[in-house]
PDB file of N, CA and C in Angstrom:
ATOM      1  N   MET A   1       0.859  -1.181   0.000  1.00  0.00           N
ATOM      2  CA  MET A   1       0.000   0.000   0.000  1.00  0.00           C
ATOM      3  C   MET A   1       0.900   1.237   0.000  1.00  0.00           C
ATOM      4  N   LYS A   2       0.637   2.130  -0.923  1.00  0.00           N
ATOM      5  CA  LYS A   2       1.406   3.360  -1.028  1.00  0.00           C
ATOM      6  C   LYS A   2       0.653   4.481  -0.310  1.00  0.00           C
ATOM      7  N   ILE A   3       1.388   5.283   0.452  1.00  0.00           N
ATOM      8  CA  ILE A   3       0.800   6.451   1.124  1.00  0.00           C
ATOM      9  C   ILE A   3       1.047   7.660   0.234  1.00  0.00           C
ATOM     10  N   ILE A   4      -0.041   8.327  -0.155  1.00  0.00           N
ATOM     11  CA  ILE A   4       0.032   9.453  -1.092  1.00  0.00           C
ATOM     12  C   ILE A   4      -0.701  10.653  -0.498  1.00  0.00           C
ATOM     13  N   THR A   5      -0.025  11.796  -0.494  1.00  0.00           N
ATOM     14  CA  THR A   5      -0.660  13.041  -0.056  1.00  0.00           C
ATOM     15  C   THR A   5      -1.090  13.831  -1.278  1.00  0.00           C
ATOM     16  N   LEU A   6      -2.332  14.280  -1.277  1.00  0.00           N
ATOM     17  CA  LEU A   6      -2.815  15.132  -2.360  1.00  0.00           C
ATOM     18  C   LEU A   6      -2.381  16.569  -2.105  1.00  0.00           C
ATOM     19  N   CYS A   7      -1.926  17.213  -3.155  1.00  0.00           N
ATOM     20  CA  CYS A   7      -1.530  18.613  -3.090  1.00  0.00           C
ATOM     21  C   CYS A   7      -2.187  19.335  -4.261  1.00  0.00           C
ATOM     22  N   GLY A   8      -2.585  20.556  -4.028  1.00  0.00           N
ATOM     23  CA  GLY A   8      -3.194  21.348  -5.095  1.00  0.00           C
ATOM     24  C   GLY A   8      -4.008  22.472  -4.511  1.00  0.00           C
ATOM     25  N   SER A   9      -4.443  23.339  -5.377  1.00  0.00           N
ATOM     26  CA  SER A   9      -5.247  24.482  -4.964  1.00  0.00           C
ATOM     27  C   SER A   9      -6.568  24.006  -4.368  1.00  0.00           C
ATOM     28  N   LEU A  10      -6.957  24.612  -3.267  1.00  0.00           N
ATOM     29  CA  LEU A  10      -8.219  24.228  -2.639  1.00  0.00           C
ATOM     30  C   LEU A  10      -9.428  24.621  -3.477  1.00  0.00           C
ATOM     31  N   LYS A  11      -9.208  25.426  -4.515  1.00  0.00           N
ATOM     32  CA  LYS A  11     -10.341  25.709  -5.402  1.00  0.00           C
ATOM     33  C   LYS A  11     -10.712  24.476  -6.226  1.00  0.00           C
ATOM     34  N   PHE A  12      -9.844  23.464  -6.183  1.00  0.00           N
ATOM     35  CA  PHE A  12     -10.116  22.204  -6.867  1.00  0.00           C
ATOM     36  C   PHE A  12     -10.488  21.116  -5.872  1.00  0.00           C
ATOM     37  N   LYS A  13     -11.064  21.482  -4.718  1.00  0.00           N
ATOM     38  CA  LYS A  13     -11.304  20.474  -3.686  1.00  0.00           C
ATOM     39  C   LYS A  13     -12.259  19.373  -4.139  1.00  0.00           C
ATOM     40  N   LYS A  14     -13.236  19.685  -4.981  1.00  0.00           N
ATOM     41  CA  LYS A  14     -14.134  18.635  -5.479  1.00  0.00           C
ATOM     42  C   LYS A  14     -13.333  17.625  -6.306  1.00  0.00           C
ATOM     43  N   GLU A  15     -12.506  18.125  -7.207  1.00  0.00           N
ATOM     44  CA  GLU A  15     -11.676  17.245  -8.033  1.00  0.00           C
ATOM     45  C   GLU A  15     -10.720  16.440  -7.157  1.00  0.00           C
ATOM     46  N   MET A  16     -10.190  17.087  -6.109  1.00  0.00           N
ATOM     47  CA  MET A  16      -9.269  16.397  -5.217  1.00  0.00           C
ATOM     48  C   MET A  16      -9.955  15.235  -4.509  1.00  0.00           C
ATOM     49  N   MET A  17     -11.194  15.427  -4.103  1.00  0.00           N
ATOM     50  CA  MET A  17     -11.912  14.363  -3.408  1.00  0.00           C
ATOM     51  C   MET A  17     -12.265  13.217  -4.350  1.00  0.00           C
ATOM     52  N   ILE A  18     -12.557  13.542  -5.602  1.00  0.00           N
ATOM     53  CA  ILE A  18     -12.823  12.496  -6.603  1.00  0.00           C
ATOM     54  C   ILE A  18     -11.568  11.652  -6.810  1.00  0.00           C
ATOM     55  N   VAL A  19     -10.428  12.326  -6.975  1.00  0.00           N
ATOM     56  CA  VAL A  19      -9.160  11.623  -7.165  1.00  0.00           C
ATOM     57  C   VAL A  19      -8.822  10.805  -5.920  1.00  0.00           C
ATOM     58  N   ALA A  20      -9.057  11.383  -4.742  1.00  0.00           N
ATOM     59  CA  ALA A  20      -8.768  10.676  -3.486  1.00  0.00           C
ATOM     60  C   ALA A  20      -9.550   9.366  -3.425  1.00  0.00           C
ATOM     61  N   GLU A  21     -10.821   9.413  -3.773  1.00  0.00           N
ATOM     62  CA  GLU A  21     -11.637   8.202  -3.728  1.00  0.00           C
ATOM     63  C   GLU A  21     -11.149   7.167  -4.740  1.00  0.00           C
ATOM     64  N   LYS A  22     -10.860   7.608  -5.965  1.00  0.00           N
ATOM     65  CA  LYS A  22     -10.390   6.675  -6.996  1.00  0.00           C
ATOM     66  C   LYS A  22      -9.071   6.023  -6.587  1.00  0.00           C
ATOM     67  N   MET A  23      -8.157   6.826  -6.027  1.00  0.00           N
ATOM     68  CA  MET A  23      -6.856   6.296  -5.616  1.00  0.00           C
ATOM     69  C   MET A  23      -7.006   5.344  -4.434  1.00  0.00           C
ATOM     70  N   ALA A  24      -7.913   5.661  -3.516  1.00  0.00           N
ATOM     71  CA  ALA A  24      -8.151   4.774  -2.366  1.00  0.00           C
ATOM     72  C   ALA A  24      -8.737   3.447  -2.826  1.00  0.00           C
ATOM     73  N   LEU A  25      -9.631   3.491  -3.818  1.00  0.00           N
ATOM     74  CA  LEU A  25     -10.228   2.261  -4.336  1.00  0.00           C
ATOM     75  C   LEU A  25      -9.213   1.380  -5.056  1.00  0.00           C
ATOM     76  N   LYS A  26      -8.079   1.979  -5.445  1.00  0.00           N
ATOM     77  CA  LYS A  26      -6.992   1.209  -6.067  1.00  0.00           C
ATOM     78  C   LYS A  26      -6.041   0.643  -5.016  1.00  0.00           C
ATOM     79  N   GLY A  27      -6.361   0.880  -3.730  1.00  0.00           N
ATOM     80  CA  GLY A  27      -5.556   0.293  -2.667  1.00  0.00           C
ATOM     81  C   GLY A  27      -4.520   1.214  -2.045  1.00  0.00           C
ATOM     82  N   ASN A  28      -4.582   2.498  -2.348  1.00  0.00           N
ATOM     83  CA  ASN A  28      -3.647   3.459  -1.775  1.00  0.00           C
ATOM     84  C   ASN A  28      -4.211   4.061  -0.494  1.00  0.00           C
ATOM     85  N   CYS A  29      -3.315   4.516   0.372  1.00  0.00           N
ATOM     86  CA  CYS A  29      -3.701   5.279   1.559  1.00  0.00           C
ATOM     87  C   CYS A  29      -3.542   6.748   1.191  1.00  0.00           C
ATOM     88  N   ILE A  30      -4.644   7.476   1.147  1.00  0.00           N
ATOM     89  CA  ILE A  30      -4.632   8.852   0.662  1.00  0.00           C
ATOM     90  C   ILE A  30      -4.771   9.832   1.824  1.00  0.00           C
ATOM     91  N   LEU A  31      -3.850  10.786   1.876  1.00  0.00           N
ATOM     92  CA  LEU A  31      -3.899  11.868   2.863  1.00  0.00           C
ATOM     93  C   LEU A  31      -4.271  13.144   2.123  1.00  0.00           C
ATOM     94  N   THR A  32      -5.240  13.867   2.652  1.00  0.00           N
ATOM     95  CA  THR A  32      -5.718  15.080   1.976  1.00  0.00           C
ATOM     96  C   THR A  32      -5.566  16.295   2.879  1.00  0.00           C
ATOM     97  N   PRO A  33      -5.558  17.483   2.268  1.00  0.00           N
ATOM     98  CA  PRO A  33      -5.595  18.700   3.079  1.00  0.00           C
ATOM     99  C   PRO A  33      -6.914  18.778   3.840  1.00  0.00           C
ATOM    100  N   VAL A  34      -6.941  19.616   4.857  1.00  0.00           N
ATOM    101  CA  VAL A  34      -8.192  19.880   5.571  1.00  0.00           C
ATOM    102  C   VAL A  34      -8.914  20.974   4.789  1.00  0.00           C
ATOM    103  N   TYR A  35     -10.133  20.673   4.389  1.00  0.00           N
ATOM    104  CA  TYR A  35     -10.906  21.616   3.588  1.00  0.00           C
ATOM    105  C   TYR A  35     -11.778  22.480   4.478  1.00  0.00           C
ATOM    106  N   SER A  36     -11.873  23.726   4.126  1.00  0.00           N
ATOM    107  CA  SER A  36     -12.720  24.660   4.858  1.00  0.00           C
ATOM    108  C   SER A  36     -14.182  24.364   4.548  1.00  0.00           C
ATOM    109  N   VAL A  37     -14.924  23.908   5.566  1.00  0.00           N
ATOM    110  CA  VAL A  37     -16.341  23.621   5.376  1.00  0.00           C
ATOM    111  C   VAL A  37     -17.218  24.356   6.383  1.00  0.00           C
ATOM    112  N   LEU A  38     -16.609  24.874   7.436  1.00  0.00           N
ATOM    113  CA  LEU A  38     -17.385  25.607   8.438  1.00  0.00           C
ATOM    114  C   LEU A  38     -17.746  26.985   7.899  1.00  0.00           C
ATOM    115  N   GLU A  39     -19.016  27.299   7.937  1.00  0.00           N
ATOM    116  CA  GLU A  39     -19.466  28.605   7.460  1.00  0.00           C
ATOM    117  C   GLU A  39     -19.376  29.625   8.589  1.00  0.00           C
ATOM    118  N   ASN A  40     -19.082  30.853   8.225  1.00  0.00           N
ATOM    119  CA  ASN A  40     -19.002  31.954   9.188  1.00  0.00           C
ATOM    120  C   ASN A  40     -18.024  31.663  10.323  1.00  0.00           C
ATOM    121  N   TYR A  41     -16.921  31.015   9.995  1.00  0.00           N
ATOM    122  CA  TYR A  41     -15.908  30.696  10.987  1.00  0.00           C
ATOM    123  C   TYR A  41     -14.596  31.318  10.536  1.00  0.00           C
ATOM    124  N   GLU A  42     -14.129  32.274  11.295  1.00  0.00           N
ATOM    125  CA  GLU A  42     -12.864  32.921  10.943  1.00  0.00           C
ATOM    126  C   GLU A  42     -11.710  32.167  11.571  1.00  0.00           C
ATOM    127  N   ARG A  43     -10.765  31.816  10.743  1.00  0.00           N
ATOM    128  CA  ARG A  43      -9.576  31.128  11.223  1.00  0.00           C
ATOM    129  C   ARG A  43      -8.509  32.150  11.579  1.00  0.00           C
ATOM    130  N   THR A  44      -7.833  31.922  12.694  1.00  0.00           N
ATOM    131  CA  THR A  44      -6.767  32.827  13.105  1.00  0.00           C
ATOM    132  C   THR A  44      -5.512  32.526  12.298  1.00  0.00           C
ATOM    133  N   ASP A  45      -4.576  33.448  12.319  1.00  0.00           N
ATOM    134  CA  ASP A  45      -3.302  33.213  11.648  1.00  0.00           C
ATOM    135  C   ASP A  45      -2.612  31.979  12.227  1.00  0.00           C
ATOM    136  N   GLU A  46      -2.715  31.801  13.529  1.00  0.00           N
ATOM    137  CA  GLU A  46      -2.102  30.642  14.187  1.00  0.00           C
ATOM    138  C   GLU A  46      -2.752  29.341  13.707  1.00  0.00           C
ATOM    139  N   GLN A  47      -4.062  29.334  13.564  1.00  0.00           N
ATOM    140  CA  GLN A  47      -4.753  28.134  13.073  1.00  0.00           C
ATOM    141  C   GLN A  47      -4.347  27.817  11.634  1.00  0.00           C
ATOM    142  N   LEU A  48      -4.251  28.842  10.808  1.00  0.00           N
ATOM    143  CA  LEU A  48      -3.831  28.634   9.416  1.00  0.00           C
ATOM    144  C   LEU A  48      -2.407  28.097   9.359  1.00  0.00           C
ATOM    145  N   LYS A  49      -1.545  28.603  10.229  1.00  0.00           N
ATOM    146  CA  LYS A  49      -0.166  28.117  10.307  1.00  0.00           C
ATOM    147  C   LYS A  49      -0.146  26.648  10.710  1.00  0.00           C
ATOM    148  N   GLN A  50      -0.988  26.270  11.674  1.00  0.00           N
ATOM    149  CA  GLN A  50      -1.053  24.876  12.122  1.00  0.00           C
ATOM    150  C   GLN A  50      -1.549  23.953  11.004  1.00  0.00           C
ATOM    151  N   LEU A  51      -2.535  24.413  10.239  1.00  0.00           N
ATOM    152  CA  LEU A  51      -3.025  23.610   9.116  1.00  0.00           C
ATOM    153  C   LEU A  51      -1.922  23.393   8.082  1.00  0.00           C
ATOM    154  N   LYS A  52      -1.154  24.438   7.810  1.00  0.00           N
ATOM    155  CA  LYS A  52      -0.055  24.343   6.845  1.00  0.00           C
ATOM    156  C   LYS A  52       1.010  23.367   7.356  1.00  0.00           C
ATOM    157  N   GLU A  53       1.372  23.484   8.628  1.00  0.00           N
ATOM    158  CA  GLU A  53       2.375  22.579   9.205  1.00  0.00           C
ATOM    159  C   GLU A  53       1.896  21.135   9.161  1.00  0.00           C
ATOM    160  N   ALA A  54       0.619  20.925   9.429  1.00  0.00           N
ATOM    161  CA  ALA A  54       0.061  19.565   9.397  1.00  0.00           C
ATOM    162  C   ALA A  54       0.126  18.991   7.986  1.00  0.00           C
ATOM    163  N   HIS A  55      -0.106  19.831   6.983  1.00  0.00           N
ATOM    164  CA  HIS A  55      -0.059  19.341   5.605  1.00  0.00           C
ATOM    165  C   HIS A  55       1.375  18.951   5.226  1.00  0.00           C
ATOM    166  N   PHE A  56       2.347  19.744   5.655  1.00  0.00           N
ATOM    167  CA  PHE A  56       3.738  19.394   5.371  1.00  0.00           C
ATOM    168  C   PHE A  56       4.137  18.115   6.111  1.00  0.00           C
ATOM    169  N   LYS A  57       3.567  17.872   7.286  1.00  0.00           N
ATOM    170  CA  LYS A  57       3.808  16.623   8.004  1.00  0.00           C
ATOM    171  C   LYS A  57       3.230  15.448   7.213  1.00  0.00           C
ATOM    172  N   ARG A  58       2.074  15.641   6.579  1.00  0.00           N
ATOM    173  CA  ARG A  58       1.495  14.584   5.732  1.00  0.00           C
ATOM    174  C   ARG A  58       2.466  14.227   4.609  1.00  0.00           C
ATOM    175  N   ILE A  59       3.087  15.251   4.030  1.00  0.00           N
ATOM    176  CA  ILE A  59       4.069  15.016   2.956  1.00  0.00           C
ATOM    177  C   ILE A  59       5.226  14.185   3.493  1.00  0.00           C
ATOM    178  N   GLU A  60       5.696  14.506   4.694  1.00  0.00           N
ATOM    179  CA  GLU A  60       6.792  13.745   5.312  1.00  0.00           C
ATOM    180  C   GLU A  60       6.421  12.277   5.479  1.00  0.00           C
ATOM    181  N   LEU A  61       5.179  12.011   5.848  1.00  0.00           N
ATOM    182  CA  LEU A  61       4.719  10.646   6.105  1.00  0.00           C
ATOM    183  C   LEU A  61       4.449   9.848   4.829  1.00  0.00           C
ATOM    184  N   SER A  62       4.392  10.533   3.707  1.00  0.00           N
ATOM    185  CA  SER A  62       3.981   9.909   2.440  1.00  0.00           C
ATOM    186  C   SER A  62       5.136   9.281   1.683  1.00  0.00           C
ATOM    187  N   ASP A  63       4.763   8.330   0.841  1.00  0.00           N
ATOM    188  CA  ASP A  63       5.705   7.790  -0.137  1.00  0.00           C
ATOM    189  C   ASP A  63       5.780   8.710  -1.354  1.00  0.00           C
ATOM    190  N   ALA A  64       4.670   9.408  -1.623  1.00  0.00           N
ATOM    191  CA  ALA A  64       4.569  10.248  -2.819  1.00  0.00           C
ATOM    192  C   ALA A  64       3.543  11.351  -2.587  1.00  0.00           C
ATOM    193  N   ILE A  65       3.608  12.366  -3.443  1.00  0.00           N
ATOM    194  CA  ILE A  65       2.528  13.352  -3.488  1.00  0.00           C
ATOM    195  C   ILE A  65       1.889  13.273  -4.860  1.00  0.00           C
ATOM    196  N   LEU A  66       0.601  13.549  -4.895  1.00  0.00           N
ATOM    197  CA  LEU A  66      -0.139  13.615  -6.158  1.00  0.00           C
ATOM    198  C   LEU A  66      -0.626  15.044  -6.304  1.00  0.00           C
ATOM    199  N   VAL A  67      -0.097  15.722  -7.314  1.00  0.00           N
ATOM    200  CA  VAL A  67      -0.423  17.128  -7.544  1.00  0.00           C
ATOM    201  C   VAL A  67      -1.661  17.210  -8.426  1.00  0.00           C
ATOM    202  N   ILE A  68      -2.710  17.823  -7.887  1.00  0.00           N
ATOM    203  CA  ILE A  68      -3.935  18.032  -8.652  1.00  0.00           C
ATOM    204  C   ILE A  68      -3.768  19.361  -9.376  1.00  0.00           C
ATOM    205  N   ASN A  69      -3.290  19.272 -10.610  1.00  0.00           N
ATOM    206  CA  ASN A  69      -2.990  20.477 -11.400  1.00  0.00           C
ATOM    207  C   ASN A  69      -3.994  20.617 -12.547  1.00  0.00           C
ATOM    208  N   LYS A  70      -5.245  20.753 -12.167  1.00  0.00           N
ATOM    209  CA  LYS A  70      -6.319  20.900 -13.158  1.00  0.00           C
ATOM    210  C   LYS A  70      -5.997  22.073 -14.075  1.00  0.00           C
ATOM    211  N   ASP A  71      -6.206  21.865 -15.362  1.00  0.00           N
ATOM    212  CA  ASP A  71      -5.872  22.865 -16.382  1.00  0.00           C
ATOM    213  C   ASP A  71      -4.416  23.307 -16.262  1.00  0.00           C
ATOM    214  N   LYS A  72      -3.575  22.410 -15.721  1.00  0.00           N
ATOM    215  CA  LYS A  72      -2.129  22.621 -15.537  1.00  0.00           C
ATOM    216  C   LYS A  72      -1.812  23.773 -14.596  1.00  0.00           C
ATOM    217  N   TYR A  73      -2.779  24.125 -13.728  1.00  0.00           N
ATOM    218  CA  TYR A  73      -2.573  25.211 -12.767  1.00  0.00           C
ATOM    219  C   TYR A  73      -1.864  24.684 -11.517  1.00  0.00           C
ATOM    220  N   ILE A  74      -0.778  25.363 -11.164  1.00  0.00           N
ATOM    221  CA  ILE A  74      -0.061  25.083  -9.925  1.00  0.00           C
ATOM    222  C   ILE A  74       0.215  26.432  -9.272  1.00  0.00           C
ATOM    223  N   GLY A  75      -0.376  26.652  -8.099  1.00  0.00           N
ATOM    224  CA  GLY A  75      -0.215  27.915  -7.393  1.00  0.00           C
ATOM    225  C   GLY A  75       1.039  27.954  -6.532  1.00  0.00           C
ATOM    226  N   LYS A  76       1.222  29.074  -5.881  1.00  0.00           N
ATOM    227  CA  LYS A  76       2.411  29.315  -5.057  1.00  0.00           C
ATOM    228  C   LYS A  76       2.542  28.287  -3.928  1.00  0.00           C
ATOM    229  N   SER A  77       1.459  28.050  -3.204  1.00  0.00           N
ATOM    230  CA  SER A  77       1.508  27.092  -2.084  1.00  0.00           C
ATOM    231  C   SER A  77       1.809  25.683  -2.579  1.00  0.00           C
ATOM    232  N   THR A  78       1.208  25.302  -3.686  1.00  0.00           N
ATOM    233  CA  THR A  78       1.453  23.970  -4.229  1.00  0.00           C
ATOM    234  C   THR A  78       2.898  23.833  -4.680  1.00  0.00           C
ATOM    235  N   ASN A  79       3.452  24.894  -5.256  1.00  0.00           N
ATOM    236  CA  ASN A  79       4.871  24.867  -5.639  1.00  0.00           C
ATOM    237  C   ASN A  79       5.762  24.641  -4.428  1.00  0.00           C
ATOM    238  N   LEU A  80       5.427  25.267  -3.300  1.00  0.00           N
ATOM    239  CA  LEU A  80       6.190  25.055  -2.068  1.00  0.00           C
ATOM    240  C   LEU A  80       6.108  23.602  -1.613  1.00  0.00           C
ATOM    241  N   GLU A  81       4.914  23.013  -1.737  1.00  0.00           N
ATOM    242  CA  GLU A  81       4.722  21.608  -1.367  1.00  0.00           C
ATOM    243  C   GLU A  81       5.547  20.691  -2.270  1.00  0.00           C
ATOM    244  N   ILE A  82       5.564  20.995  -3.565  1.00  0.00           N
ATOM    245  CA  ILE A  82       6.351  20.198  -4.519  1.00  0.00           C
ATOM    246  C   ILE A  82       7.831  20.286  -4.178  1.00  0.00           C
ATOM    247  N   GLU A  83       8.324  21.485  -3.920  1.00  0.00           N
ATOM    248  CA  GLU A  83       9.736  21.664  -3.588  1.00  0.00           C
ATOM    249  C   GLU A  83      10.098  20.930  -2.302  1.00  0.00           C
ATOM    250  N   TYR A  84       9.196  20.948  -1.325  1.00  0.00           N
ATOM    251  CA  TYR A  84       9.432  20.243  -0.069  1.00  0.00           C
ATOM    252  C   TYR A  84       9.499  18.735  -0.314  1.00  0.00           C
ATOM    253  N   ALA A  85       8.576  18.231  -1.103  1.00  0.00           N
ATOM    254  CA  ALA A  85       8.568  16.800  -1.426  1.00  0.00           C
ATOM    255  C   ALA A  85       9.843  16.405  -2.173  1.00  0.00           C
ATOM    256  N   LYS A  86      10.293  17.238  -3.100  1.00  0.00           N
ATOM    257  CA  LYS A  86      11.538  16.963  -3.825  1.00  0.00           C
ATOM    258  C   LYS A  86      12.712  16.904  -2.856  1.00  0.00           C
ATOM    259  N   LYS A  87      12.755  17.855  -1.931  1.00  0.00           N
ATOM    260  CA  LYS A  87      13.840  17.910  -0.940  1.00  0.00           C
ATOM    261  C   LYS A  87      13.886  16.632  -0.102  1.00  0.00           C
ATOM    262  N   LEU A  88      12.713  16.061   0.163  1.00  0.00           N
ATOM    263  CA  LEU A  88      12.622  14.826   0.953  1.00  0.00           C
ATOM    264  C   LEU A  88      12.799  13.569   0.111  1.00  0.00           C
ATOM    265  N   GLY A  89      12.924  13.731  -1.200  1.00  0.00           N
ATOM    266  CA  GLY A  89      13.105  12.590  -2.089  1.00  0.00           C
ATOM    267  C   GLY A  89      11.821  11.813  -2.354  1.00  0.00           C
ATOM    268  N   LYS A  90      10.676  12.483  -2.229  1.00  0.00           N
ATOM    269  CA  LYS A  90       9.385  11.815  -2.460  1.00  0.00           C
ATOM    270  C   LYS A  90       9.090  11.724  -3.948  1.00  0.00           C
ATOM    271  N   GLU A  91       8.353  10.706  -4.323  1.00  0.00           N
ATOM    272  CA  GLU A  91       7.861  10.598  -5.693  1.00  0.00           C
ATOM    273  C   GLU A  91       6.813  11.677  -5.910  1.00  0.00           C
ATOM    274  N   ILE A  92       6.852  12.314  -7.075  1.00  0.00           N
ATOM    275  CA  ILE A  92       5.879  13.367  -7.384  1.00  0.00           C
ATOM    276  C   ILE A  92       5.122  12.935  -8.623  1.00  0.00           C
ATOM    277  N   ILE A  93       3.795  12.857  -8.461  1.00  0.00           N
ATOM    278  CA  ILE A  93       2.900  12.427  -9.534  1.00  0.00           C
ATOM    279  C   ILE A  93       2.011  13.618  -9.871  1.00  0.00           C
ATOM    280  N   TYR A  94       1.828  13.883 -11.145  1.00  0.00           N
ATOM    281  CA  TYR A  94       0.957  14.984 -11.582  1.00  0.00           C
ATOM    282  C   TYR A  94      -0.302  14.406 -12.211  1.00  0.00           C
ATOM    283  N   LEU A  95      -1.443  14.991 -11.878  1.00  0.00           N
ATOM    284  CA  LEU A  95      -2.698  14.558 -12.464  1.00  0.00           C
ATOM    285  C   LEU A  95      -2.682  14.812 -13.966  1.00  0.00           C
ATOM    286  N   GLU A  96      -2.227  15.985 -14.363  1.00  0.00           N
ATOM    287  CA  GLU A  96      -2.155  16.345 -15.797  1.00  0.00           C
ATOM    288  C   GLU A  96      -0.708  16.581 -16.185  1.00  0.00           C
TER     289      GLU A  96
END
């Protein structure tokens, strides 16, 4: 079983969840970012920092990352995640 962390813009969260399910059904262990679903809930800078740190920890725990680059879009945060994964010697898989 391969452990894979999904990385990509949260504006593609629906696509990310579809990919997560398909990859899990193929026998992979999929780690995803925490998606904002609470309405009218303001996150503090400290909370946002903790979410970011937790996502980088997921990358550390993974065998690979899967970049959800719909329409070949890769934002600044995703680029940082890719560079971190490269530094750790992780396999990097691109959706497109």
